[in-house]
Amino acid sequence: MFYTVAKKLNFTRAANDLFISQPAGTRHIQEIESHFKVQLFERQGSRIKLTAAGKQLQQYAGEVLVRYRQLEFDMGPSY
């Protein structure tokens, strides 16, 4: 959820893309923020933007997704 929100900068569109409710997606982001004790997004009414911590997490999440895709390819049916 975080990575999709970070890419779209919109909670509702991200939730729709992931087939979850917007409140569930927001709770997920709040849980991450609570766990790391940081704010990931600056909220300005209905607009959001990444904080410095959010940008750092976006980078790490992107790296994890790339590695996961590579793992899926490497461990695919021909393995």
N, C-alpha and C. Protein backbone atom coordinates (compact mmCIF):
# COMPACT_ATOMS: atom_id res chain seq x y z
N MET A 1 0.84 -1.19 0.00
CA MET A 1 0.00 0.00 0.00
C MET A 1 0.87 1.24 0.00
N PHE A 2 1.88 1.26 0.87
CA PHE A 2 2.73 2.45 0.94
C PHE A 2 3.31 2.80 -0.43
N TYR A 3 3.88 1.81 -1.10
CA TYR A 3 4.55 2.08 -2.37
C TYR A 3 3.58 2.63 -3.40
N THR A 4 2.38 2.09 -3.43
CA THR A 4 1.38 2.55 -4.40
C THR A 4 0.92 3.97 -4.07
N VAL A 5 0.70 4.26 -2.79
CA VAL A 5 0.34 5.62 -2.40
C VAL A 5 1.48 6.58 -2.74
N ALA A 6 2.70 6.18 -2.48
CA ALA A 6 3.86 7.03 -2.76
C ALA A 6 3.97 7.34 -4.25
N LYS A 7 3.63 6.36 -5.08
CA LYS A 7 3.70 6.58 -6.54
C LYS A 7 2.55 7.46 -7.02
N LYS A 8 1.35 7.23 -6.51
CA LYS A 8 0.16 7.95 -6.99
C LYS A 8 -0.12 9.23 -6.22
N LEU A 9 0.45 9.34 -5.00
CA LEU A 9 0.18 10.46 -4.10
C LEU A 9 -1.32 10.66 -3.92
N ASN A 10 -2.02 9.52 -3.77
CA ASN A 10 -3.46 9.55 -3.57
C ASN A 10 -3.88 8.25 -2.89
N PHE A 11 -4.44 8.36 -1.69
CA PHE A 11 -4.84 7.17 -0.94
C PHE A 11 -5.98 6.42 -1.62
N THR A 12 -6.96 7.14 -2.13
CA THR A 12 -8.13 6.49 -2.72
C THR A 12 -7.76 5.73 -3.99
N ARG A 13 -6.99 6.36 -4.86
CA ARG A 13 -6.57 5.67 -6.10
C ARG A 13 -5.70 4.46 -5.80
N ALA A 14 -4.82 4.59 -4.82
CA ALA A 14 -3.97 3.46 -4.44
C ALA A 14 -4.81 2.31 -3.90
N ALA A 15 -5.75 2.62 -3.03
CA ALA A 15 -6.62 1.58 -2.48
C ALA A 15 -7.43 0.90 -3.58
N ASN A 16 -7.96 1.69 -4.50
CA ASN A 16 -8.71 1.11 -5.62
C ASN A 16 -7.84 0.20 -6.46
N ASP A 17 -6.62 0.60 -6.74
CA ASP A 17 -5.70 -0.22 -7.53
C ASP A 17 -5.39 -1.55 -6.84
N LEU A 18 -5.38 -1.52 -5.50
CA LEU A 18 -5.03 -2.71 -4.73
C LEU A 18 -6.26 -3.49 -4.25
N PHE A 19 -7.44 -3.03 -4.66
CA PHE A 19 -8.70 -3.70 -4.31
C PHE A 19 -8.92 -3.82 -2.81
N ILE A 20 -8.59 -2.72 -2.09
CA ILE A 20 -8.87 -2.66 -0.67
C ILE A 20 -9.62 -1.35 -0.40
N SER A 21 -10.21 -1.24 0.77
CA SER A 21 -10.91 0.00 1.09
C SER A 21 -9.90 1.10 1.42
N GLN A 22 -10.31 2.32 1.19
CA GLN A 22 -9.43 3.45 1.48
C GLN A 22 -9.13 3.53 2.98
N PRO A 23 -10.12 3.32 3.88
CA PRO A 23 -9.78 3.35 5.31
C PRO A 23 -8.79 2.26 5.71
N ALA A 24 -8.89 1.08 5.12
CA ALA A 24 -7.93 0.00 5.43
C ALA A 24 -6.54 0.40 4.96
N GLY A 25 -6.44 1.02 3.81
CA GLY A 25 -5.15 1.47 3.30
C GLY A 25 -4.55 2.56 4.17
N THR A 26 -5.38 3.48 4.61
CA THR A 26 -4.91 4.55 5.49
C THR A 26 -4.42 3.98 6.81
N ARG A 27 -5.14 3.00 7.35
CA ARG A 27 -4.70 2.35 8.60
C ARG A 27 -3.33 1.70 8.41
N HIS A 28 -3.13 1.09 7.25
CA HIS A 28 -1.84 0.44 6.98
C HIS A 28 -0.71 1.47 7.03
N ILE A 29 -0.91 2.60 6.39
CA ILE A 29 0.10 3.66 6.40
C ILE A 29 0.32 4.15 7.84
N GLN A 30 -0.75 4.33 8.59
CA GLN A 30 -0.62 4.79 9.97
C GLN A 30 0.15 3.78 10.82
N GLU A 31 -0.04 2.49 10.56
CA GLU A 31 0.71 1.47 11.29
C GLU A 31 2.20 1.56 10.99
N ILE A 32 2.55 1.80 9.74
CA ILE A 32 3.97 1.95 9.38
C ILE A 32 4.54 3.18 10.08
N GLU A 33 3.80 4.30 10.02
CA GLU A 33 4.26 5.53 10.66
C GLU A 33 4.43 5.32 12.17
N SER A 34 3.51 4.61 12.77
CA SER A 34 3.59 4.35 14.20
C SER A 34 4.78 3.44 14.53
N HIS A 35 4.98 2.43 13.72
CA HIS A 35 6.09 1.50 13.96
C HIS A 35 7.44 2.22 13.91
N PHE A 36 7.64 3.03 12.88
CA PHE A 36 8.93 3.72 12.71
C PHE A 36 8.97 5.08 13.42
N LYS A 37 7.83 5.50 13.96
CA LYS A 37 7.72 6.79 14.66
C LYS A 37 8.16 7.95 13.76
N VAL A 38 7.66 7.91 12.52
CA VAL A 38 7.92 8.97 11.55
C VAL A 38 6.63 9.28 10.80
N GLN A 39 6.59 10.43 10.19
CA GLN A 39 5.50 10.79 9.29
C GLN A 39 5.99 10.55 7.88
N LEU A 40 5.24 9.79 7.10
CA LEU A 40 5.65 9.44 5.73
C LEU A 40 5.10 10.40 4.70
N PHE A 41 3.96 11.02 5.01
CA PHE A 41 3.32 11.94 4.07
C PHE A 41 2.97 13.23 4.78
N GLU A 42 3.14 14.34 4.07
CA GLU A 42 2.61 15.62 4.54
C GLU A 42 1.23 15.73 3.94
N ARG A 43 0.24 15.90 4.80
CA ARG A 43 -1.13 15.97 4.34
C ARG A 43 -1.57 17.44 4.33
N GLN A 44 -2.02 17.90 3.17
CA GLN A 44 -2.48 19.27 3.01
C GLN A 44 -3.87 19.21 2.41
N GLY A 45 -4.87 19.04 3.28
CA GLY A 45 -6.24 18.85 2.79
C GLY A 45 -6.32 17.50 2.09
N SER A 46 -6.74 17.52 0.85
CA SER A 46 -6.84 16.27 0.09
C SER A 46 -5.54 15.95 -0.66
N ARG A 47 -4.57 16.83 -0.57
CA ARG A 47 -3.29 16.62 -1.26
C ARG A 47 -2.26 16.07 -0.29
N ILE A 48 -1.39 15.21 -0.80
CA ILE A 48 -0.32 14.67 0.04
C ILE A 48 1.00 14.73 -0.73
N LYS A 49 2.07 14.76 0.02
CA LYS A 49 3.40 14.63 -0.58
C LYS A 49 4.28 13.88 0.39
N LEU A 50 5.31 13.25 -0.13
CA LEU A 50 6.22 12.47 0.69
C LEU A 50 7.10 13.38 1.56
N THR A 51 7.32 12.94 2.79
CA THR A 51 8.30 13.59 3.65
C THR A 51 9.67 13.00 3.29
N ALA A 52 10.71 13.48 3.94
CA ALA A 52 12.05 12.91 3.71
C ALA A 52 12.05 11.42 4.08
N ALA A 53 11.42 11.08 5.20
CA ALA A 53 11.34 9.67 5.62
C ALA A 53 10.55 8.86 4.59
N GLY A 54 9.49 9.44 4.06
CA GLY A 54 8.69 8.77 3.05
C GLY A 54 9.48 8.51 1.78
N LYS A 55 10.30 9.48 1.39
CA LYS A 55 11.14 9.29 0.20
C LYS A 55 12.15 8.17 0.42
N GLN A 56 12.70 8.12 1.62
CA GLN A 56 13.66 7.06 1.92
C GLN A 56 12.98 5.69 1.90
N LEU A 57 11.80 5.59 2.51
CA LEU A 57 11.07 4.33 2.50
C LEU A 57 10.66 3.94 1.08
N GLN A 58 10.28 4.91 0.27
CA GLN A 58 9.93 4.62 -1.12
C GLN A 58 11.12 4.00 -1.86
N GLN A 59 12.30 4.51 -1.62
CA GLN A 59 13.49 3.96 -2.27
C GLN A 59 13.71 2.52 -1.83
N TYR A 60 13.65 2.27 -0.53
CA TYR A 60 13.84 0.90 -0.02
C TYR A 60 12.76 -0.03 -0.54
N ALA A 61 11.52 0.42 -0.53
CA ALA A 61 10.41 -0.42 -1.00
C ALA A 61 10.58 -0.75 -2.48
N GLY A 62 11.04 0.20 -3.25
CA GLY A 62 11.29 -0.06 -4.67
C GLY A 62 12.36 -1.11 -4.86
N GLU A 63 13.41 -1.03 -4.06
CA GLU A 63 14.49 -2.02 -4.15
C GLU A 63 13.98 -3.41 -3.76
N VAL A 64 13.15 -3.48 -2.74
CA VAL A 64 12.58 -4.77 -2.32
C VAL A 64 11.72 -5.35 -3.43
N LEU A 65 10.91 -4.53 -4.06
CA LEU A 65 10.04 -5.02 -5.14
C LEU A 65 10.85 -5.52 -6.33
N VAL A 66 11.92 -4.83 -6.66
CA VAL A 66 12.79 -5.28 -7.76
C VAL A 66 13.39 -6.64 -7.41
N ARG A 67 13.88 -6.78 -6.20
CA ARG A 67 14.48 -8.06 -5.77
C ARG A 67 13.44 -9.17 -5.76
N TYR A 68 12.22 -8.85 -5.33
CA TYR A 68 11.15 -9.85 -5.30
C TYR A 68 10.82 -10.32 -6.72
N ARG A 69 10.72 -9.38 -7.64
CA ARG A 69 10.44 -9.76 -9.04
C ARG A 69 11.55 -10.64 -9.59
N GLN A 70 12.79 -10.33 -9.25
CA GLN A 70 13.91 -11.14 -9.69
C GLN A 70 13.84 -12.53 -9.08
N LEU A 71 13.50 -12.62 -7.82
CA LEU A 71 13.33 -13.91 -7.14
C LEU A 71 12.24 -14.73 -7.83
N GLU A 72 11.11 -14.12 -8.13
CA GLU A 72 10.02 -14.81 -8.81
C GLU A 72 10.49 -15.34 -10.15
N PHE A 73 11.26 -14.55 -10.88
CA PHE A 73 11.77 -14.98 -12.18
C PHE A 73 12.76 -16.13 -12.00
N ASP A 74 13.70 -15.95 -11.09
CA ASP A 74 14.74 -16.97 -10.88
C ASP A 74 14.18 -18.29 -10.36
N MET A 75 13.14 -18.23 -9.56
CA MET A 75 12.58 -19.43 -8.97
C MET A 75 11.33 -19.90 -9.73
N GLY A 76 11.15 -19.39 -10.93
CA GLY A 76 9.98 -19.73 -11.74
C GLY A 76 9.89 -21.18 -12.11
N PRO A 77 8.92 -21.51 -12.94
CA PRO A 77 8.61 -22.90 -13.29
C PRO A 77 9.79 -23.71 -13.83
N SER A 78 10.76 -23.06 -14.45
CA SER A 78 11.89 -23.81 -15.03
C SER A 78 12.92 -24.21 -14.00
N TYR A 79 12.78 -23.73 -12.73
CA TYR A 79 13.76 -24.03 -11.71
C TYR A 79 13.64 -25.41 -11.26
